[in-house]
Protein backbone atom coordinates (compact mmCIF):
# COMPACT_ATOMS: atom_id res chain seq x y z
CA MET A 1 -11.03 -6.01 -3.88
CA ILE A 2 -8.33 -6.13 -6.52
CA GLN A 3 -8.12 -9.52 -8.18
CA PRO A 4 -4.76 -11.13 -8.90
CA ARG A 5 -3.52 -11.06 -12.43
CA LYS A 6 -3.60 -14.44 -14.14
CA ARG A 7 -0.80 -15.52 -16.45
CA ARG A 8 -0.58 -18.60 -18.62
CA ARG A 9 2.15 -21.05 -17.87
CA SER A 10 4.98 -21.16 -20.37
CA ARG A 11 4.83 -24.03 -22.90
CA LEU A 12 8.62 -23.92 -23.32
CA PRO A 13 10.24 -24.66 -19.96
CA PHE A 14 13.74 -24.58 -21.48
CA VAL A 15 15.38 -21.70 -23.34
CA PRO A 16 18.78 -21.99 -25.11
CA LEU A 17 21.59 -19.91 -23.67
CA PRO A 18 24.35 -18.14 -25.67
CA ARG A 19 26.78 -21.01 -25.03
CA LEU A 20 24.50 -23.50 -26.84
CA LEU A 21 23.94 -21.08 -29.71
CA ALA A 22 27.67 -20.57 -30.06
CA LEU A 23 28.19 -24.35 -30.19
CA ILE A 24 25.60 -24.69 -32.94
CA LEU A 25 27.17 -21.84 -34.89
CA LEU A 26 30.43 -23.82 -34.97
CA SER A 27 28.76 -26.08 -37.47
CA ALA A 28 28.90 -23.25 -39.99
CA VAL A 29 32.65 -23.78 -40.35
CA PRO A 30 32.50 -27.35 -41.76
CA VAL A 31 29.45 -26.41 -43.82
CA ALA A 32 31.44 -23.61 -45.46
CA LEU A 33 34.46 -25.91 -46.06
CA ALA A 34 32.18 -28.60 -47.49
CA THR A 35 32.02 -26.60 -50.74
CA PHE A 36 35.64 -27.62 -51.25
CA TYR A 37 35.51 -31.06 -49.63
CA ALA A 38 32.02 -32.59 -49.31
CA PRO A 39 32.70 -35.12 -46.50
CA LEU A 40 33.21 -32.17 -44.10
CA ALA A 41 29.42 -31.74 -44.04
CA TRP A 42 29.29 -34.77 -41.78
CA GLY A 43 31.31 -32.74 -39.28
CA ALA A 44 28.48 -30.20 -39.10
CA LEU A 45 25.99 -32.97 -38.39
CA ALA A 46 28.28 -34.31 -35.68
CA ILE A 47 28.48 -30.88 -34.04
CA TRP A 48 24.67 -30.57 -34.12
CA ALA A 49 24.26 -34.02 -32.62
CA VAL A 50 26.73 -33.28 -29.83
CA ALA A 51 25.05 -29.91 -29.12
CA ILE A 52 21.62 -31.50 -28.91
CA LEU A 53 22.90 -34.34 -26.72
CA LEU A 54 24.62 -31.95 -24.32
CA ALA A 55 21.53 -29.73 -24.23
CA VAL A 56 19.36 -32.72 -23.29
CA ILE A 57 21.84 -33.74 -20.58
CA ASP A 58 21.92 -30.16 -19.27
CA ALA A 59 18.13 -29.98 -19.24
CA ARG A 60 17.70 -33.30 -17.43
CA ALA A 61 20.19 -32.20 -14.80
CA THR A 62 18.18 -29.04 -14.11
CA ARG A 63 15.51 -29.91 -11.57
CA ALA A 64 12.35 -27.84 -11.40
CA LEU A 65 11.95 -25.85 -8.19
CA GLY A 66 8.61 -25.99 -6.40
CA VAL A 67 6.73 -24.34 -3.55
CA ASP A 68 8.94 -26.11 -1.01
CA ASP A 69 12.08 -24.68 -2.63
CA VAL A 70 11.11 -21.07 -3.41
CA LYS A 71 9.13 -18.92 -0.98
CA ARG A 72 8.18 -15.30 -0.43
CA GLU A 73 8.13 -13.74 3.03
CA ILE A 74 6.22 -10.50 3.64
CA THR A 75 5.78 -8.48 6.82
CA ASP A 76 2.53 -9.20 8.65
CA GLN A 77 1.26 -5.62 8.59
CA PRO A 78 2.56 -3.59 5.64
CA SER A 79 1.85 0.10 6.15
CA LEU A 80 0.86 2.84 3.78
CA ARG A 81 3.92 4.53 2.18
CA ALA A 82 6.25 2.59 4.50
CA ALA A 83 9.19 0.77 2.94
CA ASP A 84 8.80 -2.86 4.01
CA PRO A 85 11.08 -5.69 2.91
CA VAL A 86 9.98 -8.62 0.77
CA ARG A 87 12.28 -11.61 1.21
CA LEU A 88 12.65 -14.32 -1.43
CA VAL A 89 14.06 -17.55 -0.04
CA VAL A 90 15.52 -20.41 -2.13
CA ARG A 91 16.35 -23.88 -0.84
CA ASN A 92 18.80 -25.79 -3.04
CA PRO A 93 17.95 -29.53 -3.08
CA LEU A 94 20.85 -30.34 -5.45
CA ALA A 95 24.40 -31.43 -4.72
CA ARG A 96 25.80 -28.56 -6.77
CA HIS A 97 25.85 -24.77 -6.71
CA LEU A 98 22.68 -23.15 -8.01
CA ALA A 99 22.15 -19.67 -9.46
CA VAL A 100 18.48 -18.66 -9.47
CA THR A 101 16.87 -15.52 -10.84
CA ILE A 102 13.41 -14.77 -9.45
CA ARG A 103 10.98 -12.23 -10.85
CA ASP A 104 8.20 -11.33 -8.45
CA ASP A 105 4.70 -10.13 -9.35
CA PRO A 106 3.76 -7.45 -6.75
CA PRO A 107 0.52 -5.42 -6.97
CA SER A 108 0.63 -2.64 -9.56
CA SER A 109 -0.09 -0.04 -6.86
CA PHE A 110 3.11 -0.93 -4.97
CA ASP A 111 6.35 0.93 -5.61
CA VAL A 112 9.27 -1.51 -5.64
CA ASP A 113 12.98 -0.87 -6.02
CA ARG A 114 13.37 -3.94 -8.26
CA ARG A 115 11.29 -6.84 -9.51
CA SER A 116 14.01 -9.42 -10.20
CA VAL A 117 16.68 -10.73 -7.83
CA ARG A 118 19.52 -13.17 -8.37
CA ILE A 119 20.28 -15.64 -5.59
CA ASP A 120 23.36 -17.88 -5.46
CA VAL A 121 22.80 -20.96 -3.31
CA ASP A 122 25.41 -23.49 -2.26
CA ALA A 123 24.74 -27.22 -2.52
CA ARG A 124 22.12 -28.49 -0.03
CA ALA A 125 21.80 -25.00 1.47
CA SER A 126 19.41 -22.04 1.55
CA ALA A 127 19.88 -18.38 0.67
CA SER A 128 17.70 -15.31 0.36
CA ALA A 129 17.52 -11.84 -1.11
CA GLU A 130 15.30 -8.84 -0.40
CA TYR A 131 13.70 -5.97 -2.21
CA ALA A 132 11.69 -3.07 -0.80
CA MET A 133 8.00 -2.46 -1.40
CA ARG A 134 6.11 0.75 -0.64
CA PRO A 135 2.28 0.59 -0.90
CA ARG A 136 0.60 3.69 -2.30
CA HIS A 137 -2.91 2.85 -1.08
CA ARG A 138 -4.67 1.16 1.81
CA GLY A 139 -6.81 -1.90 1.23
CA THR A 140 -6.51 -5.52 0.11
CA PHE A 141 -4.12 -6.45 -2.69
CA HIS A 142 -2.63 -9.57 -4.24
CA PHE A 143 0.86 -10.76 -5.02
CA GLY A 144 1.09 -13.08 -8.02
CA ASP A 145 3.26 -16.14 -8.56
CA LEU A 146 7.05 -16.24 -8.58
CA HIS A 147 8.76 -16.65 -11.97
CA VAL A 148 11.98 -18.64 -11.63
CA ARG A 149 14.93 -19.01 -14.02
CA GLN A 150 17.88 -21.34 -13.42
CA PRO A 151 20.69 -22.31 -15.85
CA GLY A 152 21.79 -25.91 -16.23
CA PRO A 153 25.18 -27.11 -14.90
CA LEU A 154 26.68 -26.92 -18.41
CA GLY A 155 25.28 -23.45 -19.04
CA LEU A 156 23.63 -24.53 -22.31
CA VAL A 157 19.93 -24.18 -21.43
CA GLU A 158 17.93 -22.27 -18.87
CA ARG A 159 14.90 -23.72 -17.13
CA ARG A 160 12.01 -21.33 -16.65
CA GLY A 161 9.06 -22.01 -14.42
CA ARG A 162 6.46 -20.52 -12.18
CA VAL A 163 6.02 -21.25 -8.49
CA ASP A 164 2.55 -20.93 -7.01
CA ALA A 165 2.92 -18.11 -4.49
CA ALA A 166 -0.20 -15.98 -4.95
CA VAL A 167 -1.14 -14.37 -1.65
CA GLU A 168 -3.50 -11.70 -0.35
CA VAL A 169 -1.93 -8.74 1.41
CA LYS A 170 -3.71 -6.21 3.62
CA VAL A 171 -2.21 -2.73 3.66
CA TYR A 172 -2.88 -0.78 6.86
CA PRO A 173 -2.56 2.91 7.71
CA ASP A 174 0.91 4.11 8.63
CA LEU A 175 1.88 2.18 11.75
CA ARG A 176 5.31 3.77 12.08
CA GLU A 177 4.00 6.62 14.26
CA ILE A 178 2.64 4.10 16.76
CA ARG A 179 5.98 2.31 16.94
CA ARG A 180 7.73 5.65 17.52
CA TYR A 181 5.19 6.51 20.23
CA GLU A 182 5.86 3.21 22.00
CA ILE A 183 9.57 4.02 21.99
CA THR A 184 9.00 7.50 23.37
CA LEU A 185 6.79 6.05 26.08
CA ARG A 186 9.66 3.87 27.21
CA ARG A 187 11.93 6.91 27.24
CA GLY A 188 9.38 9.13 28.97
CA LEU A 189 9.12 11.48 26.00
CA ALA A 190 5.55 10.87 24.86
CA TYR A 191 3.20 13.55 23.57
CA ASP A 192 1.79 14.09 27.04
CA ALA A 193 5.15 14.43 28.77
CA GLY A 194 4.74 16.78 31.71
CA GLN A 195 0.98 16.24 31.84
CA ARG A 196 -0.64 14.55 34.80
CA ARG A 197 -3.26 11.87 34.67
CA ALA A 198 -6.78 13.10 35.39
CA ARG A 199 -7.94 11.42 38.60
CA ILE A 200 -10.86 11.82 40.93
CA PRO A 201 -10.93 10.75 44.58
CA GLY A 202 -12.73 7.59 45.50
CA ALA A 203 -12.33 3.85 45.61
CA GLY A 204 -9.72 2.75 43.16
CA SER A 205 -6.28 1.34 42.75
CA LEU A 206 -4.19 4.50 42.24
CA PHE A 207 -2.43 5.85 45.35
CA ALA A 208 -3.38 9.44 46.16
CA ARG A 209 -2.10 10.34 49.66
CA LEU A 210 -1.77 9.41 53.32
CA ARG A 211 -4.06 11.06 55.90
CA GLU A 212 -5.23 10.57 59.47
CA TYR A 213 -7.68 7.75 59.97
CA GLY A 214 -11.25 8.89 60.64
CA PRO A 215 -14.13 7.16 62.44
CA ASP A 216 -16.03 6.68 59.15
CA ASP A 217 -13.08 5.16 57.27
CA ASP A 218 -12.84 1.50 56.35
CA PRO A 219 -10.38 -0.25 58.70
CA ARG A 220 -8.92 -1.95 55.65
CA SER A 221 -7.61 1.44 54.50
CA ILE A 222 -5.20 1.68 57.46
CA SER A 223 -1.52 1.75 56.51
CA TRP A 224 0.13 -0.12 59.38
CA ALA A 225 3.63 0.90 58.34
CA ALA A 226 2.72 4.61 58.36
CA THR A 227 0.78 4.13 61.59
CA ALA A 228 3.85 2.63 63.25
CA ARG A 229 6.05 5.49 62.06
CA ARG A 230 3.71 8.28 63.17
CA GLY A 231 2.31 6.71 66.33
CA ARG A 232 -1.34 7.28 65.34
CA PRO A 233 -3.75 5.64 62.84
CA ILE A 234 -2.99 6.63 59.23
CA ALA A 235 -5.26 5.77 56.29
CA VAL A 236 -4.40 5.43 52.60
CA GLU A 237 -6.56 7.30 50.12
CA TYR A 238 -6.87 5.93 46.60
CA GLU A 239 -8.10 7.49 43.41
CA THR A 240 -9.73 6.25 40.24
CA GLU A 241 -8.56 7.46 36.88
CA ARG A 242 -11.20 9.42 35.04
CA GLN A 243 -12.06 7.61 31.82
CA GLN A 244 -13.84 9.25 28.95
CA ARG A 245 -15.54 8.37 25.70
CA LEU A 246 -13.71 9.25 22.48
CA LEU A 247 -15.50 9.19 19.12
CA ILE A 248 -13.46 9.52 15.93
CA LEU A 249 -15.33 10.75 12.85
CA LEU A 250 -13.76 10.46 9.39
CA ASP A 251 -15.11 12.35 6.41
CA ALA A 252 -14.45 10.24 3.27
CA GLY A 253 -16.23 12.57 0.85
CA ARG A 254 -15.09 14.62 -2.13
CA MET A 255 -13.24 17.28 -0.15
CA MET A 256 -10.93 14.66 1.36
CA SER A 257 -9.92 13.26 -2.04
CA SER A 258 -7.36 15.94 -2.93
CA THR A 259 -3.69 15.13 -2.49
CA LEU A 260 -1.21 16.71 -0.11
CA GLY A 261 2.26 15.43 -0.89
CA THR A 262 2.01 11.75 -1.76
CA LEU A 263 -1.20 11.00 0.18
CA THR A 264 -4.81 12.07 -0.01
CA LYS A 265 -6.22 14.16 2.80
CA LEU A 266 -8.20 11.12 3.91
CA ASP A 267 -5.01 9.05 4.19
CA HIS A 268 -3.39 11.74 6.33
CA ALA A 269 -6.52 11.80 8.51
CA VAL A 270 -6.62 7.99 8.75
CA ASN A 271 -3.00 7.88 9.93
CA THR A 272 -3.75 10.45 12.63
CA ALA A 273 -7.01 8.71 13.60
CA LEU A 274 -5.13 5.45 14.09
CA MET A 275 -2.63 7.14 16.38
CA LEU A 276 -5.40 8.88 18.30
CA ALA A 277 -7.24 5.58 18.77
CA TYR A 278 -4.06 3.96 20.06
CA VAL A 279 -3.39 6.71 22.61
CA GLY A 280 -7.03 6.78 23.70
CA ALA A 281 -7.13 3.01 24.18
CA ALA A 282 -3.83 3.13 26.08
CA LYS A 283 -5.34 5.71 28.46
CA GLY A 284 -8.37 3.54 29.16
CA ASP A 285 -10.90 5.60 27.20
CA GLU A 286 -13.78 4.10 25.29
CA VAL A 287 -12.91 4.66 21.61
CA GLY A 288 -15.38 4.50 18.71
CA LEU A 289 -15.21 5.15 14.98
CA LEU A 290 -17.58 6.53 12.38
CA GLY A 291 -16.64 6.80 8.69
CA PHE A 292 -19.03 8.56 6.35
CA ALA A 293 -19.49 10.27 3.00
CA ASP A 294 -22.96 10.56 1.46
CA ASP A 295 -23.95 7.85 3.96
CA VAL A 296 -22.38 5.98 6.86
CA ARG A 297 -19.61 3.71 5.58
CA SER A 298 -18.28 2.32 8.85
CA TYR A 299 -19.29 2.38 12.50
CA LEU A 300 -17.79 0.88 15.66
CA PRO A 301 -19.50 1.67 18.97
CA PRO A 302 -17.13 2.96 21.67
CA ARG A 303 -15.36 0.27 23.67
CA ARG A 304 -12.22 -0.13 25.70
CA GLY A 305 -9.22 -2.37 25.28
CA ARG A 306 -6.68 -3.55 22.76
CA GLY A 307 -9.28 -5.61 20.94
CA GLN A 308 -11.19 -2.44 20.10
CA PHE A 309 -8.01 -0.82 18.78
CA LEU A 310 -7.43 -3.80 16.49
CA ARG A 311 -11.00 -3.56 15.21
CA ILE A 312 -10.53 0.16 14.53
CA THR A 313 -7.29 -0.59 12.69
CA GLU A 314 -9.10 -3.04 10.43
CA GLU A 315 -11.92 -0.58 9.75
CA LEU A 316 -9.48 2.22 8.96
CA ARG A 317 -7.80 -0.07 6.44
CA ARG A 318 -11.10 -0.45 4.58
CA ILE A 319 -12.29 3.17 4.50
CA ALA A 320 -11.85 4.53 0.98
CA VAL A 321 -12.23 8.06 -0.31
CA THR A 322 -15.21 8.83 -2.56
CA THR A 323 -16.14 11.54 -5.06
CA THR A 324 -19.55 12.16 -3.51
CA GLU A 325 -20.55 15.10 -1.35
CA SER A 326 -20.54 14.40 2.38
CA ASP A 327 -23.85 14.43 4.20
CA TYR A 328 -22.84 15.81 7.59
CA ARG A 329 -26.35 16.05 8.88
CA SER A 330 -27.28 12.39 8.37
CA ALA A 331 -23.91 11.18 9.67
CA LEU A 332 -24.10 13.21 12.87
CA GLU A 333 -27.77 12.36 13.40
CA PHE A 334 -26.76 8.70 13.08
CA LEU A 335 -24.18 9.30 15.78
CA ARG A 336 -26.53 11.24 18.07
CA ALA A 337 -29.07 8.40 17.90
CA ARG A 338 -26.48 5.85 19.08
CA ALA A 339 -24.30 7.83 21.47
CA ALA A 340 -26.40 9.39 24.20
CA ARG A 341 -23.55 9.89 26.66
CA ARG A 342 -21.35 12.96 26.48
CA ALA A 343 -18.15 12.30 24.55
CA LEU A 344 -15.16 13.96 23.00
CA VAL A 345 -15.88 13.87 19.26
CA VAL A 346 -12.89 14.35 16.96
CA LEU A 347 -13.96 15.09 13.39
CA PHE A 348 -11.49 14.93 10.50
CA THR A 349 -12.80 16.87 7.52
CA ASP A 350 -12.02 19.84 5.27
CA LEU A 351 -13.57 23.14 4.27
CA VAL A 352 -13.42 24.32 0.68
CA ASP A 353 -16.57 26.01 -0.59
CA GLU A 354 -19.14 28.09 1.25
CA GLU A 355 -22.05 25.70 0.75
CA ALA A 356 -20.18 22.74 2.26
CA SER A 357 -19.00 24.93 5.12
CA ARG A 358 -22.55 26.00 5.93
CA SER A 359 -23.73 22.39 6.10
CA LEU A 360 -20.78 21.38 8.27
CA VAL A 361 -21.17 24.28 10.69
CA SER A 362 -24.86 23.57 11.14
CA ALA A 363 -24.37 19.85 11.82
CA VAL A 364 -21.36 20.25 14.11
CA THR A 365 -23.07 22.99 16.12
CA ARG A 366 -25.96 20.64 16.89
CA LEU A 367 -23.53 17.89 17.86
CA ALA A 368 -21.64 20.25 20.16
CA GLY A 369 -24.77 20.79 22.24
CA ASN A 370 -24.24 17.52 24.10
CA ASN A 371 -20.62 16.75 23.29
CA LEU A 372 -17.21 18.31 23.18
CA VAL A 373 -16.28 18.56 19.49
CA LEU A 374 -12.79 18.94 18.05
CA CYS A 375 -12.75 19.66 14.32
CA CYS A 376 -9.41 18.77 12.66
CA LEU A 377 -8.62 20.32 9.28
CA LEU A 378 -5.66 19.97 6.97
CA ALA A 379 -4.16 23.25 5.86
CA ASP A 380 -2.87 23.32 2.29
CA PRO A 381 0.50 25.12 2.12
CA GLU A 382 0.13 25.50 -1.63
CA LEU A 383 -3.16 27.37 -1.20
CA ALA A 384 -1.52 29.84 1.20
CA GLU A 385 1.38 30.27 -1.20
CA VAL A 386 -0.89 31.01 -4.17
CA ALA A 387 -2.95 33.47 -2.10
CA ALA A 388 0.20 35.40 -1.13
CA ARG A 389 1.97 35.23 -4.50
CA VAL A 390 2.39 38.41 -6.54
CA PRO A 391 0.66 37.74 -9.88
CA ASP A 392 2.73 38.05 -13.06
CA SER A 393 -0.01 37.09 -15.53
CA THR A 394 -3.77 37.03 -15.93
CA VAL A 395 -3.88 33.35 -15.05
CA SER A 396 -1.86 33.80 -11.86
CA LEU A 397 -4.07 36.77 -10.91
CA TYR A 398 -7.16 34.59 -11.32
CA GLU A 399 -5.55 31.81 -9.24
CA ARG A 400 -4.70 34.31 -6.52
CA VAL A 401 -8.28 35.64 -6.37
CA VAL A 402 -9.74 32.12 -6.15
CA ALA A 403 -7.20 31.07 -3.50
CA ARG A 404 -8.03 34.10 -1.38
CA GLU A 405 -11.75 33.43 -1.66
CA VAL A 406 -11.24 29.84 -0.50
CA ARG A 407 -8.94 31.00 2.31
CA ASP A 408 -11.40 33.65 3.51
CA ALA A 409 -14.36 31.26 3.38
CA ARG A 410 -12.36 28.73 5.36
CA ALA A 411 -11.36 31.31 7.98
CA LYS A 412 -14.95 32.47 8.27
CA ALA A 413 -16.23 28.93 8.81
CA LEU A 414 -13.53 28.26 11.41
CA GLY A 415 -14.42 31.45 13.24
CA THR A 416 -18.09 30.44 13.31
CA LEU A 417 -17.22 27.03 14.70
CA ARG A 418 -15.08 28.53 17.47
CA ARG A 419 -17.77 31.02 18.45
CA ARG A 420 -20.23 28.14 18.81
CA GLY A 421 -18.02 26.20 21.20
CA VAL A 422 -16.28 23.89 18.74
CA HIS A 423 -12.54 23.40 19.17
CA THR A 424 -10.58 23.47 15.92
CA ILE A 425 -7.19 22.48 14.52
CA ASP A 426 -5.98 23.76 11.15
CA VAL A 427 -2.42 22.62 10.51
CA PRO A 428 -0.35 21.16 7.64
CA SER A 429 -0.33 17.39 7.20
CA ASP A 430 3.10 16.90 8.79
CA ARG A 431 1.85 18.45 12.05
CA LEU A 432 -1.63 16.95 12.17
CA THR A 433 -0.86 13.92 14.35
CA VAL A 434 1.11 15.75 17.03
CA ALA A 435 -1.36 18.66 17.15
CA THR A 436 -4.35 16.32 17.45
CA ILE A 437 -2.85 14.15 20.19
CA GLN A 438 -1.73 17.18 22.19
CA ARG A 439 -5.17 18.78 21.96
CA TYR A 440 -6.84 15.50 22.97
CA ILE A 441 -4.62 15.25 26.05
CA GLU A 442 -5.28 18.89 26.92
CA LEU A 443 -9.04 18.47 26.70
CA LYS A 444 -8.90 15.23 28.66
CA LYS A 445 -6.87 16.93 31.40
CA ARG A 446 -9.49 19.68 31.71
CA PHE A 447 -12.33 17.12 32.18
CA LEU A 448 -14.21 18.64 29.25
């Protein structure tokens, strides 16, 4: 957890403004003329006395603003790389216009469009201003205090202070895709548009069809309206929706630490995993989560409901990438020991070198014996570009050879996985979410 930065409070709450300095500099005129006529020096002292008196009056008329007057408002769930507004609100307790400049202290890992805002507030009124923040990482972070500057009514001094506003902020995976999905659901344009729900006949609450009433049917299944229309007993047949178990596995090891665009491969996978968990929970599936690297970092047994989705969201916020090698065997053995029922296992990982690929293929093949496994990989467009580029130097030739070796090893590992019954996805980061959700819906439809 990142600790908030501590700053010492200023010992000088008031700072002279240019108007006061200009007034003091006026005393230089009588001082210069005093060389010709000495009594004019008293004029300089009078100017200094008036300047000091006015500065004291200006300072006393400038009331310090506190936590009830200056506040910060932040969205409840800031998302990774999403531009969220931060609102600074000022309440003016004075009977005069107030001009306040506020400098915020956001976490160093946040990109902000500005750190200082000026707010003009009418007498006995409130006003606000906003700036945009864009978190670069998931996790828990801290905003510091608010640093406030306000000039006096005479414009001679400026009061500077600090308002206690330190707060902890939790940055979640990108939630914008979920909001877009909710909108498309309302419009009938979701990822599974055109797909039918998987249902099996039996006792349930979903209408299937009307048919003639049989001697073995429950009398409560008779549809009296249909019976009256057709002149003979008609029964209603219901279906139950087929629910499945969905297990999401996240590799947080070394191979997921490289960056694609502005995010690490793990962050791209976390965003997709969050969307997959949301869709799975919405369809009534039991959804679980396992995050691992050299050991198991996070585990949530499969459950249904919105509460489970919220728990998964919190766990995904905490999962951090590591520089250690992933131990696929121990992670999947951990899963096999706790998940005896057949499930759809979606694994987010990457393939780089031959040794790691061999370990992954071996572990996933064993897992696929009792489960349906979908292995989701992130293709690197830059790797494909380097492998296809015509070399113009020795260095570029070496880069091309290495890129082709990595590409071929990756293709070989993918081919081995497919031959052993493992479903795979290998797409760029901008297509990972859609491709994963569509494949999940396809596999669910086929009852696999």
